[in-house]
Amino acid sequence: MTSRERLLCAIAHERPDRVPVGPFGLGRLDPNSEIAKELIAKTDPFIETGVGGNALMGDLVKAESRQEGNDTVTTIFTPKGNLTQRYRRTDITGYTVEFPCKNAEDVEKYMSIPFKPSEPTADWFLARKKEIGEDGLVLVGIGDAICLPAGILSPMDMCYLWADEPDLMIKMVATVSERLLEFIEKACKLGVDGYRVVGGEYASEQLGPKGFEALVVPFDTELSRVIHKYGGVVYYHNHGDVDKFLEYFADMEIDALDPLEVPPYGNVDLADASRRISNKVCLVGGLDDMEVLESLDQETVMQMGRKCIELAGTKSYVLGGTASGTYGEKAARNFIALVDVAKEFA
């Protein structure tokens, strides 16, 4: 099997010639380096690209930014009044210190912005798919509908809004979900046949099962159905306490779920997860990109990889990392070594 065939076989809940070893992306590697080329050639990577455009808010958002010391202050203009966002950059990192919306009134302002749909383009995806060929599976990264409230409200204010104004939260997510479905259907018609969906963890980690069931499940299920209508793959990304949500993911009709984080870095029992949902969802993960693959010696990593396959099985499973996007050459070489481990179970 080629890497693409191997991954698609596992995603179809079948047993490939061996368990795929699937790093997500190239981490910090120079994509033109020899190690990046070797990683793509020898493992079964998921490669992410984009489609451009603002699927959730369209092309009519108007804003101006100015610099105040280390802060970038952005004024967002709306028909109901202006909103302010403040982003701070240090020598080490960057983070939002003031979100544009603080309460229900601000959300109403933000949602009053006129909407004109963005038009997706498949050019980047098709070019990358041609470049990778059979050496991996190319996916377009998209944020689901809950990414909008999570992007304009602080984590605390989003929790308050869900507690105080649940109908407004549902209305907001439903509105942007309709926009996203239209955008993704256009992308599918242009030839995009693989998607990596992010965002669900904003609800699973911050709002609990009731929030996840109300704000993620119905909308992302419909997203899965639109993508499947065109023969596409739905690869879902969700960090955190996913154990209590496994059946929700299965019901959402997604094809694959990452990153299955096992103790001590997470709470997923791979054998239990496989028993519960692997007939519906391909499980991806088991090894932390930084704490394991980037930090431990190769023999230890290989032993841990064997344990993952023993627990998850050789069907509907991809041995992968945590999709951190931050791994380097050491982790890349460990990914390559794990292919030999996978061959032991062929």
C-alpha atoms as a PDB file:
ATOM      1  CA  MET A   1       0.000   0.000   0.000  1.00  0.00           C
ATOM      2  CA  THR A   2       1.030   3.609  -0.477  1.00  0.00           C
ATOM      3  CA  SER A   3       0.853   5.964   2.480  1.00  0.00           C
ATOM      4  CA  ARG A   4      -2.320   7.558   1.146  1.00  0.00           C
ATOM      5  CA  GLU A   5      -3.947   4.155   0.623  1.00  0.00           C
ATOM      6  CA  ARG A   6      -2.839   3.036   4.083  1.00  0.00           C
ATOM      7  CA  LEU A   7      -4.316   6.084   5.790  1.00  0.00           C
ATOM      8  CA  LEU A   8      -7.575   5.914   3.861  1.00  0.00           C
ATOM      9  CA  CYS A   9      -7.867   2.222   4.694  1.00  0.00           C
ATOM     10  CA  ALA A  10      -7.520   2.919   8.416  1.00  0.00           C
ATOM     11  CA  ILE A  11      -9.912   5.860   8.153  1.00  0.00           C
ATOM     12  CA  ALA A  12     -12.433   3.504   6.538  1.00  0.00           C
ATOM     13  CA  HIS A  13     -12.201   1.393   9.741  1.00  0.00           C
ATOM     14  CA  GLU A  14     -10.377  -1.417   7.978  1.00  0.00           C
ATOM     15  CA  ARG A  15      -6.977  -3.060   8.513  1.00  0.00           C
ATOM     16  CA  PRO A  16      -4.200  -1.812   6.195  1.00  0.00           C
ATOM     17  CA  ASP A  17      -1.020  -3.731   5.377  1.00  0.00           C
ATOM     18  CA  ARG A  18       0.454  -2.209   8.553  1.00  0.00           C
ATOM     19  CA  VAL A  19      -0.610   0.408  11.074  1.00  0.00           C
ATOM     20  CA  PRO A  20       0.057   3.835   9.552  1.00  0.00           C
ATOM     21  CA  VAL A  21       2.587   6.029  11.340  1.00  0.00           C
ATOM     22  CA  GLY A  22       1.030   9.448  10.883  1.00  0.00           C
ATOM     23  CA  PRO A  23       2.819  12.610  12.023  1.00  0.00           C
ATOM     24  CA  PHE A  24       0.578  15.629  11.627  1.00  0.00           C
ATOM     25  CA  GLY A  25       2.390  18.157   9.491  1.00  0.00           C
ATOM     26  CA  LEU A  26       6.127  18.773   9.500  1.00  0.00           C
ATOM     27  CA  GLY A  27       6.400  20.559  12.838  1.00  0.00           C
ATOM     28  CA  ARG A  28       9.328  22.984  12.878  1.00  0.00           C
ATOM     29  CA  LEU A  29      11.157  21.193  10.081  1.00  0.00           C
ATOM     30  CA  ASP A  30      12.245  23.131   7.036  1.00  0.00           C
ATOM     31  CA  PRO A  31       9.882  21.664   4.420  1.00  0.00           C
ATOM     32  CA  ASN A  32      12.737  21.662   1.909  1.00  0.00           C
ATOM     33  CA  SER A  33      15.198  19.881   4.206  1.00  0.00           C
ATOM     34  CA  GLU A  34      16.396  16.333   3.719  1.00  0.00           C
ATOM     35  CA  ILE A  35      14.849  15.210   7.022  1.00  0.00           C
ATOM     36  CA  ALA A  36      11.451  16.581   5.975  1.00  0.00           C
ATOM     37  CA  LYS A  37      11.692  14.757   2.660  1.00  0.00           C
ATOM     38  CA  GLU A  38      12.699  11.550   4.453  1.00  0.00           C
ATOM     39  CA  LEU A  39       9.820  11.890   6.916  1.00  0.00           C
ATOM     40  CA  ILE A  40       7.301  12.264   4.106  1.00  0.00           C
ATOM     41  CA  ALA A  41       8.794   9.371   2.148  1.00  0.00           C
ATOM     42  CA  LYS A  42       9.084   6.884   5.015  1.00  0.00           C
ATOM     43  CA  THR A  43       6.071   7.623   7.244  1.00  0.00           C
ATOM     44  CA  ASP A  44       2.391   8.239   6.459  1.00  0.00           C
ATOM     45  CA  PRO A  45       1.929  11.936   7.196  1.00  0.00           C
ATOM     46  CA  PHE A  46      -1.137  14.115   7.323  1.00  0.00           C
ATOM     47  CA  ILE A  47      -0.280  17.353   5.510  1.00  0.00           C
ATOM     48  CA  GLU A  48      -2.363  20.461   6.196  1.00  0.00           C
ATOM     49  CA  THR A  49      -3.046  23.362   3.852  1.00  0.00           C
ATOM     50  CA  GLY A  50      -5.688  26.075   3.522  1.00  0.00           C
ATOM     51  CA  VAL A  51      -8.335  27.535   1.242  1.00  0.00           C
ATOM     52  CA  GLY A  52      -8.217  31.228   2.145  1.00  0.00           C
ATOM     53  CA  GLY A  53     -11.135  33.499   2.935  1.00  0.00           C
ATOM     54  CA  ASN A  54     -13.083  34.124   6.134  1.00  0.00           C
ATOM     55  CA  ALA A  55     -15.656  31.325   6.205  1.00  0.00           C
ATOM     56  CA  LEU A  56     -17.334  32.475   9.418  1.00  0.00           C
ATOM     57  CA  MET A  57     -17.560  36.273   8.988  1.00  0.00           C
ATOM     58  CA  GLY A  58     -17.103  36.852   5.261  1.00  0.00           C
ATOM     59  CA  ASP A  59     -15.481  39.748   3.452  1.00  0.00           C
ATOM     60  CA  LEU A  60     -17.126  42.833   4.987  1.00  0.00           C
ATOM     61  CA  VAL A  61     -15.464  43.008   8.400  1.00  0.00           C
ATOM     62  CA  LYS A  62     -13.833  46.450   8.706  1.00  0.00           C
ATOM     63  CA  ALA A  63     -11.079  47.110  11.211  1.00  0.00           C
ATOM     64  CA  GLU A  64      -8.102  49.374  11.869  1.00  0.00           C
ATOM     65  CA  SER A  65      -5.018  48.581  13.920  1.00  0.00           C
ATOM     66  CA  ARG A  66      -2.457  50.738  15.682  1.00  0.00           C
ATOM     67  CA  GLN A  67       0.627  49.953  17.727  1.00  0.00           C
ATOM     68  CA  GLU A  68       0.883  50.948  21.393  1.00  0.00           C
ATOM     69  CA  GLY A  69       4.206  49.690  22.718  1.00  0.00           C
ATOM     70  CA  ASN A  70       4.078  45.890  22.630  1.00  0.00           C
ATOM     71  CA  ASP A  71       0.327  45.939  21.990  1.00  0.00           C
ATOM     72  CA  THR A  72      -1.485  45.849  18.684  1.00  0.00           C
ATOM     73  CA  VAL A  73      -4.825  47.560  19.287  1.00  0.00           C
ATOM     74  CA  THR A  74      -7.536  46.798  16.741  1.00  0.00           C
ATOM     75  CA  THR A  75     -10.791  48.692  16.411  1.00  0.00           C
ATOM     76  CA  ILE A  76     -13.563  46.665  14.780  1.00  0.00           C
ATOM     77  CA  PHE A  77     -16.314  48.765  13.218  1.00  0.00           C
ATOM     78  CA  THR A  78     -19.903  47.526  13.474  1.00  0.00           C
ATOM     79  CA  PRO A  79     -23.287  49.145  12.715  1.00  0.00           C
ATOM     80  CA  LYS A  80     -24.094  49.052  16.451  1.00  0.00           C
ATOM     81  CA  GLY A  81     -20.835  50.482  17.762  1.00  0.00           C
ATOM     82  CA  ASN A  82     -17.106  49.853  17.742  1.00  0.00           C
ATOM     83  CA  LEU A  83     -15.282  47.018  19.505  1.00  0.00           C
ATOM     84  CA  THR A  84     -11.668  46.912  20.718  1.00  0.00           C
ATOM     85  CA  GLN A  85      -9.171  44.051  20.695  1.00  0.00           C
ATOM     86  CA  ARG A  86      -5.673  44.202  22.212  1.00  0.00           C
ATOM     87  CA  TYR A  87      -2.919  41.718  21.283  1.00  0.00           C
ATOM     88  CA  ARG A  88       0.381  41.746  23.175  1.00  0.00           C
ATOM     89  CA  ARG A  89       3.687  40.478  21.808  1.00  0.00           C
ATOM     90  CA  THR A  90       6.699  39.702  23.990  1.00  0.00           C
ATOM     91  CA  ASP A  91      10.132  38.289  23.165  1.00  0.00           C
ATOM     92  CA  ILE A  92       8.752  34.837  23.966  1.00  0.00           C
ATOM     93  CA  THR A  93       5.149  34.730  22.797  1.00  0.00           C
ATOM     94  CA  GLY A  94       2.019  36.622  21.828  1.00  0.00           C
ATOM     95  CA  TYR A  95      -1.467  36.552  23.300  1.00  0.00           C
ATOM     96  CA  THR A  96      -4.775  38.437  23.336  1.00  0.00           C
ATOM     97  CA  VAL A  97      -5.113  40.520  26.502  1.00  0.00           C
ATOM     98  CA  GLU A  98      -8.435  42.111  25.529  1.00  0.00           C
ATOM     99  CA  PHE A  99     -11.060  40.360  23.442  1.00  0.00           C
ATOM    100  CA  PRO A 100     -13.445  42.413  21.292  1.00  0.00           C
ATOM    101  CA  CYS A 101     -16.581  41.076  23.034  1.00  0.00           C
ATOM    102  CA  LYS A 102     -17.097  41.080  26.794  1.00  0.00           C
ATOM    103  CA  ASN A 103     -20.847  40.481  27.075  1.00  0.00           C
ATOM    104  CA  ALA A 104     -24.090  39.838  25.187  1.00  0.00           C
ATOM    105  CA  GLU A 105     -24.329  43.448  24.003  1.00  0.00           C
ATOM    106  CA  ASP A 106     -20.906  43.231  22.375  1.00  0.00           C
ATOM    107  CA  VAL A 107     -21.828  39.934  20.705  1.00  0.00           C
ATOM    108  CA  GLU A 108     -24.920  41.593  19.230  1.00  0.00           C
ATOM    109  CA  LYS A 109     -22.664  44.343  17.901  1.00  0.00           C
ATOM    110  CA  TYR A 110     -20.271  41.854  16.330  1.00  0.00           C
ATOM    111  CA  MET A 111     -23.052  39.846  14.729  1.00  0.00           C
ATOM    112  CA  SER A 112     -24.518  43.036  13.217  1.00  0.00           C
ATOM    113  CA  ILE A 113     -21.561  43.249  10.825  1.00  0.00           C
ATOM    114  CA  PRO A 114     -22.967  42.802   7.280  1.00  0.00           C
ATOM    115  CA  PHE A 115     -22.112  39.441   5.780  1.00  0.00           C
ATOM    116  CA  LYS A 116     -20.802  38.763   2.297  1.00  0.00           C
ATOM    117  CA  PRO A 117     -19.570  35.181   1.766  1.00  0.00           C
ATOM    118  CA  SER A 118     -15.895  34.609   1.121  1.00  0.00           C
ATOM    119  CA  GLU A 119     -15.080  32.500  -1.899  1.00  0.00           C
ATOM    120  CA  PRO A 120     -12.789  29.547  -1.239  1.00  0.00           C
ATOM    121  CA  THR A 121     -10.031  28.545  -3.600  1.00  0.00           C
ATOM    122  CA  ALA A 122      -8.774  25.011  -4.069  1.00  0.00           C
ATOM    123  CA  ASP A 123      -5.492  26.054  -5.677  1.00  0.00           C
ATOM    124  CA  TRP A 124      -3.294  25.529  -2.585  1.00  0.00           C
ATOM    125  CA  PHE A 125      -4.917  22.206  -1.765  1.00  0.00           C
ATOM    126  CA  LEU A 126      -4.722  20.813  -5.286  1.00  0.00           C
ATOM    127  CA  ALA A 127      -1.104  21.912  -5.687  1.00  0.00           C
ATOM    128  CA  ARG A 128      -0.072  20.360  -2.365  1.00  0.00           C
ATOM    129  CA  LYS A 129      -2.022  17.182  -3.111  1.00  0.00           C
ATOM    130  CA  LYS A 130      -0.218  16.845  -6.430  1.00  0.00           C
ATOM    131  CA  GLU A 131       3.137  17.506  -4.753  1.00  0.00           C
ATOM    132  CA  ILE A 132       2.596  14.926  -1.969  1.00  0.00           C
ATOM    133  CA  GLY A 133       1.032  12.373  -4.288  1.00  0.00           C
ATOM    134  CA  GLU A 134       0.757   8.948  -2.661  1.00  0.00           C
ATOM    135  CA  ASP A 135       3.164   9.843   0.171  1.00  0.00           C
ATOM    136  CA  GLY A 136       0.495  11.206   2.532  1.00  0.00           C
ATOM    137  CA  LEU A 137      -2.993  12.597   2.977  1.00  0.00           C
ATOM    138  CA  VAL A 138      -3.522  16.313   2.386  1.00  0.00           C
ATOM    139  CA  LEU A 139      -6.203  18.062   4.460  1.00  0.00           C
ATOM    140  CA  VAL A 140      -7.600  21.594   4.506  1.00  0.00           C
ATOM    141  CA  GLY A 141      -7.657  23.004   8.026  1.00  0.00           C
ATOM    142  CA  ILE A 142     -10.935  24.639   9.037  1.00  0.00           C
ATOM    143  CA  GLY A 143     -12.401  25.971  12.252  1.00  0.00           C
ATOM    144  CA  ASP A 144     -15.934  24.882  13.105  1.00  0.00           C
ATOM    145  CA  ALA A 145     -18.726  27.245  14.122  1.00  0.00           C
ATOM    146  CA  ILE A 146     -17.828  27.476  17.813  1.00  0.00           C
ATOM    147  CA  CYS A 147     -14.502  29.026  16.806  1.00  0.00           C
ATOM    148  CA  LEU A 148     -16.351  32.330  16.316  1.00  0.00           C
ATOM    149  CA  PRO A 149     -17.475  32.835  19.936  1.00  0.00           C
ATOM    150  CA  ALA A 150     -14.155  31.381  21.136  1.00  0.00           C
ATOM    151  CA  GLY A 151     -12.311  33.946  19.051  1.00  0.00           C
ATOM    152  CA  ILE A 152     -14.224  37.056  20.078  1.00  0.00           C
ATOM    153  CA  LEU A 153     -14.821  36.244  23.774  1.00  0.00           C
ATOM    154  CA  SER A 154     -12.297  35.418  26.482  1.00  0.00           C
ATOM    155  CA  PRO A 155     -12.622  31.879  27.862  1.00  0.00           C
ATOM    156  CA  MET A 156     -14.209  33.288  31.034  1.00  0.00           C
ATOM    157  CA  ASP A 157     -16.671  35.510  29.168  1.00  0.00           C
ATOM    158  CA  MET A 158     -17.645  32.682  26.819  1.00  0.00           C
ATOM    159  CA  CYS A 159     -18.486  30.526  29.841  1.00  0.00           C
ATOM    160  CA  TYR A 160     -20.504  33.363  31.373  1.00  0.00           C
ATOM    161  CA  LEU A 161     -22.367  33.950  28.128  1.00  0.00           C
ATOM    162  CA  TRP A 162     -23.248  30.256  27.863  1.00  0.00           C
ATOM    163  CA  ALA A 163     -24.522  30.321  31.450  1.00  0.00           C
ATOM    164  CA  ASP A 164     -26.421  33.616  31.169  1.00  0.00           C
ATOM    165  CA  GLU A 165     -27.487  33.773  27.517  1.00  0.00           C
ATOM    166  CA  PRO A 166     -27.555  30.215  26.113  1.00  0.00           C
ATOM    167  CA  ASP A 167     -30.085  31.115  23.417  1.00  0.00           C
ATOM    168  CA  LEU A 168     -27.782  33.867  22.125  1.00  0.00           C
ATOM    169  CA  MET A 169     -24.842  31.448  22.034  1.00  0.00           C
ATOM    170  CA  ILE A 170     -26.845  28.878  20.098  1.00  0.00           C
ATOM    171  CA  LYS A 171     -28.132  31.548  17.702  1.00  0.00           C
ATOM    172  CA  MET A 172     -24.587  32.815  17.063  1.00  0.00           C
ATOM    173  CA  VAL A 173     -23.185  29.338  16.428  1.00  0.00           C
ATOM    174  CA  ALA A 174     -26.155  28.389  14.223  1.00  0.00           C
ATOM    175  CA  THR A 175     -25.667  31.538  12.137  1.00  0.00           C
ATOM    176  CA  VAL A 176     -21.976  30.977  11.490  1.00  0.00           C
ATOM    177  CA  SER A 177     -22.570  27.249  10.939  1.00  0.00           C
ATOM    178  CA  GLU A 178     -24.855  28.048   7.998  1.00  0.00           C
ATOM    179  CA  ARG A 179     -22.118  30.242   6.559  1.00  0.00           C
ATOM    180  CA  LEU A 180     -19.486  27.561   7.066  1.00  0.00           C
ATOM    181  CA  LEU A 181     -21.603  24.863   5.405  1.00  0.00           C
ATOM    182  CA  GLU A 182     -22.049  27.036   2.315  1.00  0.00           C
ATOM    183  CA  PHE A 183     -18.310  27.801   2.205  1.00  0.00           C
ATOM    184  CA  ILE A 184     -17.292  24.142   2.586  1.00  0.00           C
ATOM    185  CA  GLU A 185     -19.767  22.961  -0.024  1.00  0.00           C
ATOM    186  CA  LYS A 186     -18.194  25.379  -2.485  1.00  0.00           C
ATOM    187  CA  ALA A 187     -14.726  24.076  -1.572  1.00  0.00           C
ATOM    188  CA  CYS A 188     -15.880  20.485  -2.044  1.00  0.00           C
ATOM    189  CA  LYS A 189     -17.190  21.321  -5.503  1.00  0.00           C
ATOM    190  CA  LEU A 190     -13.741  22.740  -6.333  1.00  0.00           C
ATOM    191  CA  GLY A 191     -12.118  19.416  -5.510  1.00  0.00           C
ATOM    192  CA  VAL A 192     -11.162  19.654  -1.821  1.00  0.00           C
ATOM    193  CA  ASP A 193     -11.734  16.127  -0.493  1.00  0.00           C
ATOM    194  CA  GLY A 194     -10.105  16.171   2.955  1.00  0.00           C
ATOM    195  CA  TYR A 195     -10.683  18.429   5.975  1.00  0.00           C
ATOM    196  CA  ARG A 196      -9.132  18.742   9.400  1.00  0.00           C
ATOM    197  CA  VAL A 197     -11.788  20.290  11.664  1.00  0.00           C
ATOM    198  CA  VAL A 198     -10.767  22.140  14.851  1.00  0.00           C
ATOM    199  CA  GLY A 199     -12.777  23.916  17.537  1.00  0.00           C
ATOM    200  CA  GLY A 200     -14.743  21.293  19.427  1.00  0.00           C
ATOM    201  CA  GLU A 201     -12.373  21.466  22.381  1.00  0.00           C
ATOM    202  CA  TYR A 202     -13.575  24.989  23.156  1.00  0.00           C
ATOM    203  CA  ALA A 203     -16.819  23.371  24.282  1.00  0.00           C
ATOM    204  CA  SER A 204     -15.553  20.042  25.606  1.00  0.00           C
ATOM    205  CA  GLU A 205     -12.925  21.751  27.793  1.00  0.00           C
ATOM    206  CA  GLN A 206     -14.792  24.913  28.809  1.00  0.00           C
ATOM    207  CA  LEU A 207     -18.521  24.196  28.648  1.00  0.00           C
ATOM    208  CA  GLY A 208     -18.832  20.507  29.472  1.00  0.00           C
ATOM    209  CA  PRO A 209     -21.049  17.809  27.956  1.00  0.00           C
ATOM    210  CA  LYS A 210     -24.207  19.958  27.818  1.00  0.00           C
ATOM    211  CA  GLY A 211     -22.375  22.755  26.025  1.00  0.00           C
ATOM    212  CA  PHE A 212     -20.721  20.298  23.650  1.00  0.00           C
ATOM    213  CA  GLU A 213     -24.032  18.610  22.893  1.00  0.00           C
ATOM    214  CA  ALA A 214     -25.765  21.921  22.161  1.00  0.00           C
ATOM    215  CA  LEU A 215     -23.035  23.925  20.427  1.00  0.00           C
ATOM    216  CA  VAL A 216     -20.915  21.331  18.630  1.00  0.00           C
ATOM    217  CA  VAL A 217     -22.697  18.038  17.980  1.00  0.00           C
ATOM    218  CA  PRO A 218     -25.591  19.183  15.735  1.00  0.00           C
ATOM    219  CA  PHE A 219     -23.536  21.647  13.727  1.00  0.00           C
ATOM    220  CA  ASP A 220     -20.447  19.503  13.203  1.00  0.00           C
ATOM    221  CA  THR A 221     -22.620  16.513  12.352  1.00  0.00           C
ATOM    222  CA  GLU A 222     -24.132  18.545   9.532  1.00  0.00           C
ATOM    223  CA  LEU A 223     -20.644  19.628   8.482  1.00  0.00           C
ATOM    224  CA  SER A 224     -19.615  15.960   8.272  1.00  0.00           C
ATOM    225  CA  ARG A 225     -22.632  15.204   6.129  1.00  0.00           C
ATOM    226  CA  VAL A 226     -21.858  17.991   3.650  1.00  0.00           C
ATOM    227  CA  ILE A 227     -18.250  16.814   3.294  1.00  0.00           C
ATOM    228  CA  HIS A 228     -19.304  13.174   2.939  1.00  0.00           C
ATOM    229  CA  LYS A 229     -21.832  14.110   0.264  1.00  0.00           C
ATOM    230  CA  TYR A 230     -18.841  14.904  -1.945  1.00  0.00           C
ATOM    231  CA  GLY A 231     -16.794  11.889  -0.888  1.00  0.00           C
ATOM    232  CA  GLY A 232     -14.510  13.837   1.445  1.00  0.00           C
ATOM    233  CA  VAL A 233     -12.750  12.862   4.672  1.00  0.00           C
ATOM    234  CA  VAL A 234     -13.553  14.486   8.043  1.00  0.00           C
ATOM    235  CA  TYR A 235     -10.496  14.394  10.336  1.00  0.00           C
ATOM    236  CA  TYR A 236     -11.398  15.876  13.726  1.00  0.00           C
ATOM    237  CA  HIS A 237      -8.994  17.466  16.208  1.00  0.00           C
ATOM    238  CA  ASN A 238      -9.876  17.684  19.913  1.00  0.00           C
ATOM    239  CA  HIS A 239      -7.453  17.964  22.828  1.00  0.00           C
ATOM    240  CA  GLY A 240      -8.196  17.484  26.491  1.00  0.00           C
ATOM    241  CA  ASP A 241     -10.611  15.279  28.373  1.00  0.00           C
ATOM    242  CA  VAL A 242     -12.020  13.423  25.378  1.00  0.00           C
ATOM    243  CA  ASP A 243     -12.774  10.155  27.175  1.00  0.00           C
ATOM    244  CA  LYS A 244     -16.230  11.257  28.306  1.00  0.00           C
ATOM    245  CA  PHE A 245     -17.001  12.540  24.788  1.00  0.00           C
ATOM    246  CA  LEU A 246     -16.032   9.497  22.693  1.00  0.00           C
ATOM    247  CA  GLU A 247     -19.623   8.501  21.892  1.00  0.00           C
ATOM    248  CA  TYR A 248     -20.436  12.089  20.970  1.00  0.00           C
ATOM    249  CA  PHE A 249     -17.603  12.041  18.419  1.00  0.00           C
ATOM    250  CA  ALA A 250     -18.857   8.765  16.978  1.00  0.00           C
ATOM    251  CA  ASP A 251     -22.357  10.189  16.623  1.00  0.00           C
ATOM    252  CA  MET A 252     -20.985  13.231  14.748  1.00  0.00           C
ATOM    253  CA  GLU A 253     -20.147  11.007  11.759  1.00  0.00           C
ATOM    254  CA  ILE A 254     -16.497  12.083  11.671  1.00  0.00           C
ATOM    255  CA  ASP A 255     -13.960   9.723  10.093  1.00  0.00           C
ATOM    256  CA  ALA A 256     -10.913  10.162  12.329  1.00  0.00           C
ATOM    257  CA  LEU A 257     -10.129  11.707  15.710  1.00  0.00           C
ATOM    258  CA  ASP A 258      -6.840  13.049  17.048  1.00  0.00           C
ATOM    259  CA  PRO A 259      -4.935  13.318  19.329  1.00  0.00           C
ATOM    260  CA  LEU A 260      -5.753  10.372  21.561  1.00  0.00           C
ATOM    261  CA  GLU A 261      -3.689  11.459  24.587  1.00  0.00           C
ATOM    262  CA  VAL A 262      -2.835   8.627  26.962  1.00  0.00           C
ATOM    263  CA  PRO A 263      -1.717   8.837  30.631  1.00  0.00           C
ATOM    264  CA  PRO A 264       0.188  10.611  32.047  1.00  0.00           C
ATOM    265  CA  TYR A 265      -0.378  13.250  29.350  1.00  0.00           C
ATOM    266  CA  GLY A 266      -4.095  12.598  28.901  1.00  0.00           C
ATOM    267  CA  ASN A 267      -6.848  10.290  30.095  1.00  0.00           C
ATOM    268  CA  VAL A 268      -7.563   7.993  27.138  1.00  0.00           C
ATOM    269  CA  ASP A 269      -7.269   4.238  27.477  1.00  0.00           C
ATOM    270  CA  LEU A 270      -6.569   3.195  23.892  1.00  0.00           C
ATOM    271  CA  ALA A 271      -8.011  -0.294  24.346  1.00  0.00           C
ATOM    272  CA  ASP A 272     -11.198   1.106  25.852  1.00  0.00           C
ATOM    273  CA  ALA A 273     -11.492   3.812  23.181  1.00  0.00           C
ATOM    274  CA  SER A 274     -11.001   1.222  20.453  1.00  0.00           C
ATOM    275  CA  ARG A 275     -13.670  -1.012  21.964  1.00  0.00           C
ATOM    276  CA  ARG A 276     -16.129   1.861  22.249  1.00  0.00           C
ATOM    277  CA  ILE A 277     -15.862   3.708  18.924  1.00  0.00           C
ATOM    278  CA  SER A 278     -13.249   2.316  16.496  1.00  0.00           C
ATOM    279  CA  ASN A 279     -15.995   0.730  14.394  1.00  0.00           C
ATOM    280  CA  LYS A 280     -17.121   4.291  13.608  1.00  0.00           C
ATOM    281  CA  VAL A 281     -14.062   6.505  14.122  1.00  0.00           C
ATOM    282  CA  CYS A 282     -10.409   5.924  13.248  1.00  0.00           C
ATOM    283  CA  LEU A 283      -8.298   6.718  16.312  1.00  0.00           C
ATOM    284  CA  VAL A 284      -5.130   8.772  15.773  1.00  0.00           C
ATOM    285  CA  GLY A 285      -2.410   9.434  18.345  1.00  0.00           C
ATOM    286  CA  GLY A 286      -0.988   7.863  21.473  1.00  0.00           C
ATOM    287  CA  LEU A 287       2.431   9.565  21.619  1.00  0.00           C
ATOM    288  CA  ASP A 288       2.997  13.132  22.792  1.00  0.00           C
ATOM    289  CA  ASP A 289       4.980  15.153  20.221  1.00  0.00           C
ATOM    290  CA  MET A 290       7.118  16.972  22.782  1.00  0.00           C
ATOM    291  CA  GLU A 291       7.137  14.941  26.012  1.00  0.00           C
ATOM    292  CA  VAL A 292       7.737  11.633  24.213  1.00  0.00           C
ATOM    293  CA  LEU A 293       8.797  11.925  20.578  1.00  0.00           C
ATOM    294  CA  GLU A 294      10.942  15.018  21.010  1.00  0.00           C
ATOM    295  CA  SER A 295      12.323  14.165  24.443  1.00  0.00           C
ATOM    296  CA  LEU A 296      12.876  10.418  24.903  1.00  0.00           C
ATOM    297  CA  ASP A 297      15.437   8.072  23.385  1.00  0.00           C
ATOM    298  CA  GLN A 298      14.485   6.031  20.353  1.00  0.00           C
ATOM    299  CA  GLU A 299      14.263   2.643  22.076  1.00  0.00           C
ATOM    300  CA  THR A 300      11.899   4.018  24.712  1.00  0.00           C
ATOM    301  CA  VAL A 301       9.755   5.627  22.030  1.00  0.00           C
ATOM    302  CA  MET A 302       9.611   2.347  20.109  1.00  0.00           C
ATOM    303  CA  GLN A 303       8.548   0.471  23.241  1.00  0.00           C
ATOM    304  CA  MET A 304       5.790   3.008  23.830  1.00  0.00           C
ATOM    305  CA  GLY A 305       4.728   2.704  20.188  1.00  0.00           C
ATOM    306  CA  ARG A 306       4.434  -1.077  20.552  1.00  0.00           C
ATOM    307  CA  LYS A 307       2.255  -0.604  23.612  1.00  0.00           C
ATOM    308  CA  CYS A 308      -0.030   1.783  21.715  1.00  0.00           C
ATOM    309  CA  ILE A 309      -0.556  -0.697  18.877  1.00  0.00           C
ATOM    310  CA  GLU A 310      -1.104  -3.570  21.307  1.00  0.00           C
ATOM    311  CA  LEU A 311      -3.853  -1.572  23.013  1.00  0.00           C
ATOM    312  CA  ALA A 312      -5.478   0.092  19.994  1.00  0.00           C
ATOM    313  CA  GLY A 313      -5.124  -2.803  17.568  1.00  0.00           C
ATOM    314  CA  THR A 314      -4.198  -2.836  13.912  1.00  0.00           C
ATOM    315  CA  LYS A 315      -7.577  -1.830  12.516  1.00  0.00           C
ATOM    316  CA  SER A 316      -8.968   1.712  12.404  1.00  0.00           C
ATOM    317  CA  TYR A 317      -5.885   3.121  14.144  1.00  0.00           C
ATOM    318  CA  VAL A 318      -3.054   5.485  13.175  1.00  0.00           C
ATOM    319  CA  LEU A 319      -0.020   5.698  15.448  1.00  0.00           C
ATOM    320  CA  GLY A 320       0.543   9.419  15.754  1.00  0.00           C
ATOM    321  CA  GLY A 321       1.475  12.343  17.959  1.00  0.00           C
ATOM    322  CA  THR A 322      -0.442  15.222  19.479  1.00  0.00           C
ATOM    323  CA  ALA A 323      -0.499  17.434  16.364  1.00  0.00           C
ATOM    324  CA  SER A 324       1.408  20.117  18.275  1.00  0.00           C
ATOM    325  CA  GLY A 325       3.071  21.569  15.191  1.00  0.00           C
ATOM    326  CA  THR A 326       6.184  22.124  17.316  1.00  0.00           C
ATOM    327  CA  TYR A 327       8.234  18.968  16.969  1.00  0.00           C
ATOM    328  CA  GLY A 328      11.733  19.001  15.498  1.00  0.00           C
ATOM    329  CA  GLU A 329      14.279  16.653  13.960  1.00  0.00           C
ATOM    330  CA  LYS A 330      14.543  14.293  16.939  1.00  0.00           C
ATOM    331  CA  ALA A 331      10.800  13.594  16.870  1.00  0.00           C
ATOM    332  CA  ALA A 332      10.913  13.231  13.092  1.00  0.00           C
ATOM    333  CA  ARG A 333      13.558  10.527  13.380  1.00  0.00           C
ATOM    334  CA  ASN A 334      11.521   8.816  16.073  1.00  0.00           C
ATOM    335  CA  PHE A 335       8.477   8.858  13.799  1.00  0.00           C
ATOM    336  CA  ILE A 336      10.590   7.195  11.107  1.00  0.00           C
ATOM    337  CA  ALA A 337      11.815   4.545  13.569  1.00  0.00           C
ATOM    338  CA  LEU A 338       8.218   3.772  14.561  1.00  0.00           C
ATOM    339  CA  VAL A 339       7.560   2.461  11.048  1.00  0.00           C
ATOM    340  CA  ASP A 340       9.678  -0.588  11.966  1.00  0.00           C
ATOM    341  CA  VAL A 341       7.502  -1.065  15.043  1.00  0.00           C
ATOM    342  CA  ALA A 342       4.372  -0.949  12.921  1.00  0.00           C
ATOM    343  CA  LYS A 343       5.825  -3.573  10.589  1.00  0.00           C
ATOM    344  CA  GLU A 344       6.163  -5.961  13.542  1.00  0.00           C
ATOM    345  CA  PHE A 345       2.348  -6.108  13.715  1.00  0.00           C
ATOM    346  CA  ALA A 346       1.734  -6.483   9.974  1.00  0.00           C
END
